[in-house]
Protein backbone atom coordinates (compact mmCIF):
# COMPACT_ATOMS: atom_id res chain seq x y z
CA MET A 1 12.63 -0.31 13.27
CA ALA A 2 14.29 3.02 13.28
CA ARG A 3 16.45 4.10 16.16
CA ARG A 4 16.27 7.88 16.25
CA ALA A 5 13.56 10.51 16.05
CA ALA A 6 13.85 14.24 15.36
CA SER A 7 13.90 16.87 18.06
CA LEU A 8 10.93 18.87 16.81
CA LEU A 9 8.58 15.97 16.32
CA ARG A 10 6.12 13.96 18.31
CA SER A 11 6.91 10.24 18.13
CA VAL A 12 4.42 7.47 18.57
CA ALA A 13 4.74 3.78 17.98
CA LEU A 14 3.35 0.31 18.10
CA GLN A 15 2.94 -2.16 20.96
CA GLN A 16 2.58 -5.64 22.29
CA GLN A 17 1.57 -7.72 25.33
CA HIS A 18 2.74 -10.51 27.65
CA SER A 19 1.29 -13.21 29.84
CA LEU A 20 4.36 -15.05 31.22
CA PRO A 21 4.62 -15.37 35.02
CA ALA A 22 7.81 -13.29 35.02
CA ILE A 23 5.90 -10.38 33.51
CA SER A 24 2.91 -10.76 35.81
CA ARG A 25 5.26 -10.57 38.74
CA LEU A 26 6.54 -7.20 37.52
CA SER A 27 3.18 -5.59 36.73
CA GLY A 28 2.78 -3.50 39.85
CA ALA A 29 0.78 -0.27 40.15
CA ARG A 30 2.12 2.60 38.07
CA LYS A 31 1.14 5.95 36.66
CA GLU A 32 0.25 6.28 32.99
CA TYR A 33 3.43 7.24 31.08
CA SER A 34 5.67 6.66 34.08
CA THR A 35 7.99 3.76 33.44
CA ILE A 36 8.69 1.48 36.38
CA ILE A 37 12.35 0.62 36.88
CA GLN A 38 12.46 -2.42 39.17
CA ASP A 39 15.11 -3.01 41.82
CA ASP A 40 16.68 -5.57 39.47
CA LEU A 41 16.86 -2.83 36.80
CA ILE A 42 14.17 -4.34 34.63
CA LEU A 43 12.15 -1.68 32.83
CA ARG A 44 8.39 -2.06 32.78
CA SER A 45 6.07 -0.49 30.22
CA PRO A 46 4.37 2.72 31.38
CA PHE A 47 1.21 1.82 29.48
CA THR A 48 -1.67 -0.03 31.07
CA ASP A 49 -1.77 -3.69 30.14
CA VAL A 50 -4.04 -4.89 27.39
CA GLU A 51 -5.95 -8.13 27.22
CA VAL A 52 -5.01 -10.33 24.30
CA PRO A 53 -7.78 -12.67 23.13
CA ASN A 54 -6.66 -16.27 22.78
CA VAL A 55 -7.96 -16.66 19.24
CA PRO A 56 -6.43 -17.49 15.85
CA LEU A 57 -5.22 -14.52 13.83
CA ALA A 58 -7.78 -14.87 11.01
CA LYS A 59 -10.71 -15.01 13.42
CA TYR A 60 -9.38 -11.94 15.22
CA ILE A 61 -9.22 -10.04 11.92
CA PHE A 62 -12.52 -11.31 10.52
CA ASP A 63 -14.41 -10.50 13.73
CA ALA A 64 -12.99 -6.96 13.75
CA GLN A 65 -14.06 -6.48 10.14
CA GLU A 66 -17.67 -7.39 10.81
CA GLN A 67 -18.71 -3.82 11.62
CA HIS A 68 -16.93 -2.52 8.51
CA ALA A 69 -18.14 -5.16 6.06
CA GLY A 70 -19.56 -2.70 3.55
CA ARG A 71 -16.55 -0.38 3.49
CA LEU A 72 -13.67 -0.69 1.06
CA ALA A 73 -10.72 -2.62 2.44
CA PHE A 74 -8.46 -2.63 -0.61
CA VAL A 75 -7.98 -0.79 -3.86
CA ASP A 76 -5.32 -2.02 -6.25
CA GLY A 77 -3.47 1.17 -7.14
CA VAL A 78 -2.44 -0.28 -10.50
CA THR A 79 -5.60 -1.99 -11.78
CA GLY A 80 -8.27 -0.20 -9.74
CA GLN A 81 -9.74 -3.54 -8.57
CA SER A 82 -11.35 -3.08 -5.16
CA TYR A 83 -12.71 -5.25 -2.35
CA THR A 84 -14.82 -4.42 0.70
CA HIS A 85 -13.94 -5.76 4.13
CA GLY A 86 -16.80 -8.23 3.80
CA GLU A 87 -15.62 -9.38 0.39
CA PHE A 88 -12.07 -9.75 1.68
CA ARG A 89 -13.22 -11.99 4.50
CA ASP A 90 -15.42 -14.08 2.16
CA LEU A 91 -12.68 -14.47 -0.46
CA SER A 92 -10.08 -15.42 2.15
CA MET A 93 -12.34 -18.25 3.31
CA ARG A 94 -13.10 -19.28 -0.29
CA LEU A 95 -9.37 -19.51 -0.94
CA GLY A 96 -9.00 -21.52 2.26
CA SER A 97 -11.60 -23.92 0.91
CA ALA A 98 -9.87 -24.16 -2.47
CA LEU A 99 -6.50 -24.81 -0.81
CA THR A 100 -8.10 -27.55 1.27
CA ARG A 101 -9.28 -29.20 -1.95
CA LEU A 102 -5.62 -29.07 -3.06
CA ASP A 103 -4.72 -31.05 0.09
CA VAL A 104 -3.23 -28.10 1.95
CA THR A 105 -3.88 -28.78 5.62
CA LYS A 106 -2.93 -27.45 9.03
CA GLY A 107 0.83 -27.00 9.38
CA ASP A 108 1.56 -27.09 5.65
CA VAL A 109 3.75 -24.24 4.44
CA VAL A 110 2.66 -21.98 1.58
CA GLY A 111 5.25 -19.75 -0.04
CA LEU A 112 4.02 -16.24 -0.87
CA VAL A 113 6.17 -14.47 -3.48
CA SER A 114 4.40 -11.34 -4.67
CA PRO A 115 4.53 -7.57 -4.67
CA ASN A 116 1.77 -5.77 -2.79
CA CYS A 117 -1.72 -6.30 -4.18
CA PRO A 118 -5.09 -7.18 -2.59
CA GLU A 119 -4.58 -10.85 -3.49
CA PHE A 120 -1.46 -10.95 -1.30
CA ALA A 121 -3.62 -10.14 1.73
CA ILE A 122 -6.35 -12.58 0.67
CA THR A 123 -3.77 -15.33 0.34
CA PHE A 124 -2.08 -14.55 3.65
CA TYR A 125 -5.31 -14.69 5.64
CA GLY A 126 -6.77 -17.56 3.61
CA VAL A 127 -3.72 -19.64 4.48
CA ALA A 128 -3.85 -18.53 8.12
CA ALA A 129 -7.56 -19.33 8.40
CA ILE A 130 -7.06 -23.04 7.67
CA GLY A 131 -4.13 -23.37 10.08
CA ALA A 132 -1.46 -23.49 7.38
CA VAL A 133 1.73 -21.42 7.56
CA ASN A 134 2.75 -18.53 5.31
CA THR A 135 6.40 -18.08 4.45
CA THR A 136 6.67 -14.63 2.89
CA VAL A 137 9.49 -14.25 0.37
CA ASN A 138 11.12 -11.04 -0.82
CA CYS A 139 9.83 -10.78 -4.38
CA SER A 140 13.09 -9.17 -5.55
CA TYR A 141 14.99 -12.37 -4.71
CA THR A 142 16.68 -14.33 -7.46
CA ALA A 143 15.37 -17.78 -8.38
CA GLU A 144 18.15 -19.36 -6.31
CA GLU A 145 17.29 -17.29 -3.24
CA ILE A 146 13.58 -18.09 -3.61
CA ALA A 147 14.40 -21.79 -3.93
CA ASN A 148 16.55 -21.67 -0.78
CA GLN A 149 13.72 -20.26 1.32
CA LEU A 150 11.09 -22.59 -0.12
CA ALA A 151 13.37 -25.54 0.56
CA ASN A 152 14.36 -24.50 4.09
CA SER A 153 10.74 -23.84 5.08
CA GLY A 154 9.50 -27.05 3.47
CA ALA A 155 6.88 -25.25 1.39
CA SER A 156 4.63 -27.46 -0.74
CA VAL A 157 2.59 -24.74 -2.50
CA VAL A 158 3.66 -21.32 -3.75
CA VAL A 159 1.48 -18.33 -4.60
CA THR A 160 3.07 -15.72 -6.83
CA HIS A 161 2.29 -12.86 -9.22
CA THR A 162 2.64 -12.57 -12.98
CA THR A 163 5.60 -10.22 -12.42
CA THR A 164 7.49 -12.83 -10.37
CA LEU A 165 6.18 -16.02 -12.00
CA ALA A 166 9.23 -16.62 -14.21
CA LYS A 167 11.61 -16.59 -11.21
CA VAL A 168 9.28 -18.82 -9.20
CA LYS A 169 9.04 -21.35 -12.03
CA GLN A 170 12.83 -21.42 -12.22
CA ALA A 171 13.05 -21.76 -8.43
CA CYS A 172 10.77 -24.78 -8.62
CA THR A 173 13.23 -26.51 -10.94
CA ILE A 174 15.87 -26.07 -8.23
CA TYR A 175 13.63 -27.02 -5.30
CA THR A 176 11.25 -29.73 -6.47
CA GLY A 177 9.05 -29.97 -3.41
CA ILE A 178 6.33 -27.63 -4.75
CA ARG A 179 3.11 -29.43 -5.70
CA HIS A 180 1.15 -26.42 -6.95
CA ILE A 181 2.07 -23.00 -8.33
CA ILE A 182 -0.74 -20.45 -8.06
CA VAL A 183 -0.50 -17.12 -9.84
CA VAL A 184 -2.23 -13.79 -9.41
CA GLY A 185 -3.09 -13.63 -13.08
CA PRO A 186 -4.28 -15.93 -15.85
CA ALA A 187 -3.78 -19.69 -15.63
CA GLU A 188 -1.35 -21.44 -17.94
CA GLU A 189 -0.22 -25.00 -18.38
CA GLY A 190 0.74 -26.41 -15.01
CA ILE A 191 -0.09 -23.13 -13.25
CA LEU A 192 -3.33 -22.42 -11.35
CA SER A 193 -4.97 -18.99 -11.31
CA ILE A 194 -5.89 -17.58 -7.91
CA HIS A 195 -8.89 -15.91 -9.52
CA ASP A 196 -10.24 -19.33 -10.50
CA LEU A 197 -9.68 -20.62 -6.95
CA LEU A 198 -11.53 -17.61 -5.53
CA LYS A 199 -14.66 -18.85 -7.33
CA ASP A 200 -14.72 -21.85 -4.97
CA ASP A 201 -18.07 -22.30 -3.22
CA GLY A 202 -16.37 -22.38 0.18
CA LYS A 203 -17.91 -25.69 1.23
CA ALA A 204 -14.55 -27.37 1.80
CA PHE A 205 -13.41 -24.75 4.33
CA PRO A 206 -12.27 -26.67 7.47
CA HIS A 207 -14.40 -24.91 10.10
CA ASN A 208 -13.39 -27.52 12.68
CA VAL A 209 -9.64 -26.99 12.35
CA GLN A 210 -8.10 -26.76 15.82
CA ILE A 211 -5.58 -23.92 16.10
CA ASP A 212 -3.62 -23.32 19.31
CA PRO A 213 -2.85 -19.57 19.10
CA MET A 214 -0.02 -19.77 21.62
CA GLU A 215 1.81 -22.62 19.89
CA ASP A 216 0.80 -22.79 16.23
CA ILE A 217 2.86 -20.83 13.71
CA VAL A 218 1.02 -18.48 11.36
CA VAL A 219 3.95 -16.99 9.46
CA LEU A 220 7.57 -17.89 8.85
CA PRO A 221 9.40 -14.78 7.63
CA TYR A 222 13.16 -15.04 7.24
CA SER A 223 15.63 -12.93 9.19
CA SER A 224 19.35 -13.00 9.77
CA GLY A 225 18.73 -12.18 13.42
CA THR A 226 21.75 -10.88 15.29
CA THR A 227 24.20 -12.67 13.00
CA GLY A 228 24.63 -15.36 10.40
CA LEU A 229 22.57 -16.63 7.47
CA PRO A 230 18.80 -16.02 7.08
CA LYS A 231 16.67 -18.14 9.40
CA GLY A 232 12.95 -18.83 9.57
CA VAL A 233 11.34 -16.83 12.39
CA MET A 234 8.49 -18.81 13.93
CA LEU A 235 5.73 -16.32 14.77
CA THR A 236 2.54 -17.65 16.31
CA HIS A 237 -1.04 -16.48 15.94
CA ASN A 238 -0.77 -15.04 19.45
CA ASN A 239 2.38 -13.08 18.58
CA LEU A 240 0.59 -11.15 15.85
CA VAL A 241 -2.74 -10.79 17.67
CA ALA A 242 -0.87 -9.36 20.67
CA ASN A 243 0.97 -6.92 18.45
CA LEU A 244 -2.24 -5.69 16.84
CA GLN A 245 -3.86 -5.25 20.24
CA GLN A 246 -0.95 -3.12 21.37
CA ILE A 247 -0.83 -0.77 18.41
CA THR A 248 -4.40 0.26 19.18
CA HIS A 249 -3.60 1.13 22.80
CA PRO A 250 -5.00 4.65 23.47
CA GLY A 251 -1.63 5.88 24.73
CA ILE A 252 -0.03 5.44 21.32
CA ASN A 253 -2.81 5.01 18.77
CA THR A 254 -3.34 8.02 16.49
CA LEU A 255 -5.89 6.38 14.18
CA LYS A 256 -9.15 8.27 13.87
CA PRO A 257 -12.31 6.20 14.40
CA THR A 258 -14.09 4.86 11.33
CA THR A 259 -17.48 6.56 11.06
CA ASP A 260 -20.12 7.20 8.42
CA GLU A 261 -18.21 10.36 7.49
CA PHE A 262 -14.58 9.21 7.82
CA GLN A 263 -12.38 6.27 6.96
CA GLU A 264 -8.60 6.14 7.28
CA VAL A 265 -6.77 5.63 3.98
CA PHE A 266 -3.47 3.72 4.13
CA LEU A 267 -0.89 3.55 1.36
CA GLY A 268 0.01 -0.11 0.97
CA LEU A 269 3.49 0.58 -0.39
CA LEU A 270 5.79 -0.99 2.20
CA PRO A 271 6.20 -4.64 1.17
CA TYR A 272 3.74 -6.94 2.89
CA TYR A 273 6.34 -9.73 2.91
CA HIS A 274 8.34 -7.62 5.41
CA ILE A 275 7.25 -7.72 9.06
CA TYR A 276 6.70 -3.94 9.09
CA GLY A 277 4.39 -4.10 6.10
CA MET A 278 2.78 -7.29 7.34
CA VAL A 279 1.68 -6.23 10.82
CA PRO A 280 1.66 -2.44 11.47
CA CYS A 281 0.54 -1.71 7.89
CA LEU A 282 -1.58 -4.58 6.53
CA GLY A 283 -2.82 -6.00 9.83
CA LEU A 284 -3.63 -2.61 11.34
CA SER A 285 -5.55 -1.49 8.26
CA LEU A 286 -7.78 -4.58 8.44
CA VAL A 287 -8.44 -4.53 12.18
CA SER A 288 -9.25 -0.81 12.15
CA GLY A 289 -11.59 -0.82 9.16
CA ALA A 290 -9.27 1.34 7.05
CA LYS A 291 -8.88 1.35 3.27
CA SER A 292 -5.50 0.39 1.80
CA VAL A 293 -4.38 1.45 -1.66
CA THR A 294 -1.74 -1.07 -2.72
CA LEU A 295 1.27 -0.31 -4.91
CA PRO A 296 3.91 -2.83 -5.99
CA GLY A 297 6.76 -0.36 -5.55
CA LEU A 298 7.81 3.26 -5.57
CA ILE A 299 7.49 4.48 -9.15
CA GLN A 300 7.53 8.28 -9.12
CA ASP A 301 4.57 9.14 -11.37
CA GLN A 302 2.45 6.29 -10.01
CA PHE A 303 3.25 7.21 -6.42
CA ILE A 304 2.41 10.88 -6.92
CA SER A 305 -0.82 10.16 -8.80
CA THR A 306 -1.90 7.77 -6.04
CA LEU A 307 -1.37 10.46 -3.38
CA GLN A 308 -3.38 12.89 -5.49
CA LYS A 309 -6.25 10.53 -6.25
CA TYR A 310 -6.76 8.70 -2.96
CA LYS A 311 -5.76 11.36 -0.40
CA ILE A 312 -3.76 9.18 1.97
CA THR A 313 -4.48 9.96 5.64
CA PHE A 314 -2.17 7.49 7.42
CA LEU A 315 1.24 7.07 5.82
CA HIS A 316 3.73 4.33 6.69
CA THR A 317 7.27 5.02 5.50
CA VAL A 318 10.92 4.05 5.67
CA PRO A 319 13.80 6.54 5.37
CA PRO A 320 14.18 6.22 1.57
CA ILE A 321 10.51 7.18 1.13
CA ILE A 322 10.95 10.20 3.38
CA PHE A 323 14.02 11.14 1.35
CA PHE A 324 11.99 10.82 -1.87
CA LEU A 325 9.14 12.94 -0.51
CA THR A 326 11.52 15.60 0.72
CA HIS A 327 13.89 15.88 -2.21
CA THR A 328 11.64 15.25 -5.20
CA ALA A 329 10.48 18.54 -6.70
CA ALA A 330 7.42 16.90 -8.25
CA VAL A 331 6.13 16.01 -4.78
CA LYS A 332 4.34 19.20 -3.77
CA PRO A 333 3.49 19.98 -0.12
CA GLU A 334 -0.24 19.87 -0.82
CA LEU A 335 0.02 16.14 -1.64
CA LEU A 336 0.32 15.41 2.08
CA ALA A 337 -2.31 17.91 3.19
CA PRO A 338 -4.82 15.10 3.93
CA THR A 339 -2.21 13.13 5.90
CA HIS A 340 -2.47 13.45 9.68
CA ASN A 341 0.08 10.77 10.63
CA MET A 342 3.38 9.51 9.26
CA THR A 343 5.14 6.51 10.76
CA CYS A 344 8.74 5.56 10.02
CA GLY A 345 10.31 2.22 10.80
CA ALA A 346 12.56 -0.62 9.58
CA ALA A 347 15.73 1.53 9.58
CA PRO A 348 17.09 4.67 11.25
CA VAL A 349 16.02 8.08 10.00
CA GLY A 350 18.31 11.01 10.72
CA GLU A 351 17.29 14.21 12.42
CA THR A 352 18.49 16.26 9.45
CA LEU A 353 16.21 14.47 7.01
CA ILE A 354 13.16 14.77 9.27
CA THR A 355 13.86 18.46 9.81
CA GLN A 356 14.02 18.95 6.04
CA PHE A 357 10.78 17.02 5.63
CA PHE A 358 8.87 19.26 8.03
CA GLU A 359 10.38 22.40 6.54
CA LYS A 360 8.81 21.35 3.24
CA PHE A 361 5.48 19.91 4.42
CA GLY A 362 4.79 21.81 7.63
CA ASN A 363 4.00 20.36 11.04
CA HIS A 364 0.31 19.54 10.65
CA LEU A 365 0.95 15.80 10.92
CA THR A 366 2.22 13.61 13.74
CA PHE A 367 5.48 11.79 13.15
CA GLN A 368 5.85 8.32 14.68
CA GLU A 369 8.95 6.22 15.10
CA GLY A 370 9.61 3.00 16.99
CA TYR A 371 12.03 0.15 17.54
CA GLY A 372 11.67 -3.56 16.94
CA MET A 373 12.75 -6.57 14.91
CA THR A 374 11.25 -9.50 13.02
CA GLU A 375 11.92 -11.74 16.03
CA ALA A 376 9.63 -9.46 18.09
CA SER A 377 6.64 -9.38 15.73
CA PRO A 378 7.92 -6.57 15.31
CA VAL A 379 7.70 -3.78 17.91
CA THR A 380 9.20 -3.64 21.40
CA HIS A 381 9.59 0.10 22.12
CA LEU A 382 7.64 3.24 21.27
CA THR A 383 7.45 6.77 22.45
CA PRO A 384 4.12 7.92 23.93
CA LYS A 385 2.24 10.24 21.63
CA ASP A 386 2.24 13.03 24.20
CA ASN A 387 5.68 12.50 25.77
CA PHE A 388 8.30 12.50 23.03
CA ILE A 389 11.97 12.56 24.03
CA PRO A 390 14.33 13.55 21.18
CA GLY A 391 16.64 10.75 20.12
CA SER A 392 14.75 8.09 22.05
CA THR A 393 12.81 5.12 20.77
CA GLY A 394 10.64 5.52 23.83
CA VAL A 395 9.70 3.05 26.51
CA ALA A 396 8.74 -0.61 26.59
CA VAL A 397 5.36 -1.29 25.02
CA PRO A 398 2.44 -2.68 27.07
CA ASN A 399 2.98 -5.94 28.97
CA THR A 400 6.63 -5.91 27.95
CA SER A 401 9.82 -5.67 29.98
CA ALA A 402 13.32 -4.66 28.94
CA LYS A 403 16.78 -4.44 30.40
CA ILE A 404 20.19 -3.19 29.32
CA VAL A 405 23.03 -5.61 29.95
CA ASP A 406 26.71 -4.73 30.14
CA ILE A 407 28.41 -6.41 27.19
CA CYS A 408 31.42 -7.57 29.20
CA SER A 409 30.04 -8.39 32.66
CA GLY A 410 26.49 -9.39 31.78
CA LYS A 411 25.13 -7.24 34.61
CA ALA A 412 22.03 -5.09 34.17
CA LEU A 413 22.69 -1.35 33.92
CA GLY A 414 20.61 1.39 35.48
CA PRO A 415 19.72 4.89 34.29
CA ASP A 416 22.71 6.78 32.89
CA GLU A 417 25.05 3.96 33.91
CA GLY A 418 26.37 3.38 30.42
CA GLU A 419 25.67 1.39 27.29
CA GLY A 420 24.84 -2.28 26.93
CA GLU A 421 22.82 -4.77 24.92
CA LEU A 422 19.06 -4.26 24.90
CA CYS A 423 17.15 -7.38 25.93
CA ILE A 424 13.38 -7.88 25.65
CA LEU A 425 10.84 -10.11 27.42
CA GLY A 426 7.33 -10.23 26.07
CA PRO A 427 4.70 -12.17 24.11
CA GLN A 428 5.83 -10.58 20.87
CA VAL A 429 9.06 -12.58 21.12
CA MET A 430 9.18 -15.35 18.53
CA LYS A 431 8.77 -19.01 19.34
CA GLY A 432 12.25 -19.57 17.94
CA TYR A 433 14.12 -20.12 14.70
CA PHE A 434 12.77 -22.86 12.46
CA LEU A 435 14.91 -26.02 12.57
CA ASN A 436 17.73 -24.11 14.23
CA ASP A 437 17.83 -24.72 17.97
CA GLU A 438 21.39 -23.48 18.29
CA ALA A 439 20.57 -20.08 16.79
CA THR A 440 17.50 -19.90 19.02
CA ARG A 441 19.60 -20.55 22.14
CA GLN A 442 22.04 -17.85 21.06
CA THR A 443 19.23 -15.31 20.71
CA ILE A 444 16.76 -16.22 23.49
CA ASP A 445 18.27 -17.12 26.85
CA GLU A 446 16.93 -19.64 29.36
CA ALA A 447 14.83 -16.98 31.10
CA GLY A 448 13.12 -16.05 27.84
CA TRP A 449 14.97 -12.78 27.19
CA LEU A 450 15.44 -11.87 23.54
CA HIS A 451 18.95 -10.51 23.01
CA THR A 452 18.48 -7.89 20.31
CA GLY A 453 22.11 -7.35 19.35
CA ASP A 454 21.60 -3.59 19.70
CA VAL A 455 23.55 -1.39 22.08
CA ALA A 456 21.41 1.04 24.08
CA ARG A 457 21.28 3.25 27.16
CA MET A 458 18.38 4.53 29.24
CA ASP A 459 17.54 7.69 31.14
CA HIS A 460 15.90 8.06 34.56
CA ASP A 461 12.42 7.98 33.03
CA GLY A 462 13.06 4.66 31.34
CA ASN A 463 13.44 6.05 27.83
CA ILE A 464 15.64 3.89 25.64
CA PHE A 465 18.27 5.35 23.32
CA ILE A 466 19.70 3.02 20.69
CA VAL A 467 23.32 3.98 20.06
CA ASP A 468 24.87 1.16 18.03
CA ARG A 469 24.44 -2.40 16.81
CA LEU A 470 26.27 -5.43 18.04
CA LYS A 471 24.79 -7.51 15.30
CA GLU A 472 26.36 -7.69 11.90
CA LEU A 473 23.13 -7.27 9.99
CA ILE A 474 23.09 -4.62 7.26
CA LYS A 475 19.83 -2.74 6.59
CA VAL A 476 19.30 -1.56 3.00
CA LYS A 477 16.02 0.32 2.53
CA GLY A 478 14.80 -1.48 5.64
CA LEU A 479 15.59 -4.89 4.13
CA GLN A 480 18.06 -7.22 5.80
CA VAL A 481 21.38 -8.20 4.25
CA ALA A 482 23.44 -10.82 6.05
CA PRO A 483 27.20 -10.26 5.64
CA ALA A 484 27.77 -14.00 6.12
CA GLU A 485 25.51 -14.75 3.16
CA LEU A 486 27.41 -12.40 0.84
CA GLU A 487 30.76 -13.62 2.15
CA ASP A 488 29.77 -17.21 1.47
CA LEU A 489 28.82 -16.24 -2.08
CA ILE A 490 31.98 -14.20 -2.77
CA ARG A 491 34.20 -17.02 -1.51
CA GLN A 492 32.81 -19.12 -4.36
CA HIS A 493 34.68 -16.90 -6.82
CA PRO A 494 37.78 -18.81 -7.93
CA ASN A 495 40.06 -15.80 -7.47
CA VAL A 496 39.02 -14.94 -3.90
CA ALA A 497 41.09 -16.19 -0.97
CA ASP A 498 39.19 -14.42 1.82
CA VAL A 499 36.49 -11.77 2.25
CA ALA A 500 34.64 -9.66 4.81
CA VAL A 501 31.48 -7.63 4.23
CA VAL A 502 30.41 -4.59 6.29
CA GLY A 503 27.60 -2.08 6.08
CA LEU A 504 28.23 1.64 5.57
CA PRO A 505 25.77 4.49 6.08
CA ASP A 506 24.02 5.86 3.00
CA VAL A 507 21.64 8.81 2.90
CA ARG A 508 19.29 7.20 0.38
CA THR A 509 19.16 3.57 1.46
CA GLY A 510 20.18 3.64 5.12
CA GLU A 511 23.18 1.37 4.57
CA VAL A 512 25.05 -0.26 1.69
CA PRO A 513 27.21 -3.43 1.71
CA ARG A 514 30.95 -3.11 1.08
CA ALA A 515 33.26 -6.08 0.49
CA TYR A 516 36.92 -6.30 1.51
CA VAL A 517 38.54 -9.02 -0.59
CA VAL A 518 41.85 -10.86 -0.31
CA PRO A 519 42.57 -12.06 -3.87
CA GLU A 520 44.31 -15.32 -4.66
CA PRO A 521 48.05 -14.80 -5.16
CA GLY A 522 48.85 -13.89 -8.75
CA SER A 523 45.21 -13.24 -9.59
CA SER A 524 44.26 -10.44 -11.97
CA VAL A 525 40.68 -10.21 -10.68
CA THR A 526 39.22 -6.69 -10.55
CA ASP A 527 36.75 -5.06 -8.20
CA GLN A 528 34.26 -4.89 -11.08
CA ASP A 529 34.62 -8.66 -11.60
CA ILE A 530 33.64 -9.30 -7.98
CA ALA A 531 30.77 -6.82 -8.04
CA GLU A 532 29.28 -8.29 -11.21
CA PHE A 533 29.73 -11.84 -9.87
CA VAL A 534 27.61 -10.91 -6.84
CA GLU A 535 25.06 -8.81 -8.71
CA ARG A 536 24.19 -11.70 -11.04
CA GLN A 537 23.20 -13.89 -8.12
CA VAL A 538 21.44 -11.68 -5.56
CA ALA A 539 18.50 -9.36 -5.17
CA PRO A 540 19.19 -5.67 -5.94
CA HIS A 541 19.39 -4.60 -2.30
CA LYS A 542 22.19 -7.10 -1.69
CA LYS A 543 24.55 -5.90 -4.41
CA LEU A 544 27.85 -4.33 -3.32
CA ALA A 545 26.77 -0.72 -3.64
CA GLY A 546 29.40 0.27 -1.07
CA GLY A 547 32.21 -0.94 -3.30
CA VAL A 548 34.80 -3.72 -3.49
CA PHE A 549 38.19 -3.07 -1.92
CA PHE A 550 41.23 -5.32 -2.06
CA THR A 551 43.32 -5.94 1.04
CA ASN A 552 46.21 -8.16 2.10
CA ASP A 553 44.38 -9.64 5.05
CA ILE A 554 41.09 -9.60 6.94
CA PRO A 555 41.34 -8.57 10.63
CA LYS A 556 40.19 -11.42 12.85
CA SER A 557 40.07 -12.29 16.54
CA ALA A 558 42.05 -15.09 18.14
CA THR A 559 39.09 -17.38 17.59
CA GLY A 560 38.86 -16.50 13.90
CA LYS A 561 35.90 -14.14 14.09
CA ILE A 562 36.01 -11.32 11.56
CA LEU A 563 36.56 -7.97 13.29
CA ARG A 564 34.02 -6.08 11.20
CA ARG A 565 34.00 -3.09 13.51
CA GLU A 566 37.67 -2.42 12.68
CA LEU A 567 36.95 -2.54 8.96
CA LYS A 568 33.89 -0.36 9.35
CA ALA A 569 35.73 2.21 11.49
CA ALA A 570 38.48 2.51 8.88
CA ALA A 571 35.89 2.88 6.09
CA LEU A 572 33.97 5.55 7.99
CA ALA A 573 37.16 7.47 8.63
CA GLN A 574 37.86 7.44 4.90
CA LEU A 575 34.32 8.54 4.02
CA GLN A 576 34.45 11.36 6.53
CA GLY A 577 37.72 12.64 5.09
CA SER A 578 38.40 14.26 1.76
CA ASP A 579 38.56 10.98 -0.15
CA ARG A 580 34.81 10.47 -0.61
CA ASP A 581 34.96 11.16 -4.35
CA ALA A 582 37.80 8.68 -4.72
CA VAL A 583 35.78 5.78 -3.29
CA ARG A 584 35.26 3.15 -5.95
CA MET A 585 31.52 2.64 -6.02
CA VAL A 586 30.37 -0.30 -8.13
């Protein structure tokens, strides 16, 4: 999630919980909103602990929906199709029954490749309810990228949408392990329609399925973590239930209660396949009895008409959406008059942009910002709603501990003692990376601490300030781009001898990838050749929007590790100078 908040705003965030002995040992008496800094320099959440029920995710959601059964849960912003909370629960279980008839059982992996729509949510919780595992796939991926994730996760069934069906069908010719393709749309030869499956009588639903919330995986999103190629993040039922419990903690929760006269209205725009859209947006809307209006993407006229028609009260955003709201003349201030809360996550948002936003829309709404990562389900730090510190991501969320470790010595640092890597201990921390023990060991140490790859400092009140990233991950519109993945692809070009990819700041997207290429001797390859080679094979957010630059060599350490920080520093110096207009953007 984002690292900085603006000085004139109140920041809130999301939370999580823990039950490990190490945490229990640290949970001494404390004042509300007064972070405990232990003698060993471990930071303890200032919020009172929450109890996390040891139940499967679907049961947790369905039980919470019981009191809201007659209220709308979803409206498809494109088609107008709507479902109540009661209908959502019933259809999720009907789909679970239909999947069972298709021999999908506990532990089987179902790929979910779809833009936001009510059927995405029905599928996600239908799969979860029978003990199967969702692997959510970025629907902008190419067929090859979709095939890679389906293959790595071992998916046997894939649910998609008419808009992504062609790519999924092609992916299934590359990875042949898919037994059934199910589409949100009409059936065709060899393709099942989810709408036909939702007519199932529900009698095959496996009510006796035994799910261990602490151990069983409910979703397998893919993340590049602190470095390297995308890896499956094993998140358990308990991880997500804990997260949802924390984001309703009274110290941070700004949701208004659902009553006969009021219901929160969410905009389901942030992609549900992303951990931010999946948990704080989709999950929170269901557990709180809110109504979500789903949109498949940000199309200007559609977005504006949706704000006008449905009067969004609780708005989840990422920096590009805030930029769009602020700088689009057609977005009038009155469009956000019904909105009392705006949350920003997934990538940093600058103070200048937030200041501009409030100059346009006024300060009637609360602005929330927090910090987290896919491996933490997702949130680890938030600022209390009544104790915002400018520039800080806040304090550790309930039942969670944190520490800042000197990068060279490995020793924990105290308040104002300098910068180091932020490490997290809590129940939101993933079980590990799927089929990748080595990557898991590199990210979670023997004591259970998640090494975030982010450089931070803390003040005497335990507020955390994120100042840099150790990890090589590039964030484009909140979506992850692994430099190693692009480098591996570019090296396949016959005229490339070596390559390094770095991320550069961009006001619209957060960051953009730039490639530094060493061409083969005597080659006549151009920067446009390289850019087009990449663009043909990757999703739009992975294209080399930061440019392609040729160089004689790539700076590397004695052990052969690419010194990306040197390349990035040189690029930033160029961008900050007078040569910005001369940069070759492709």
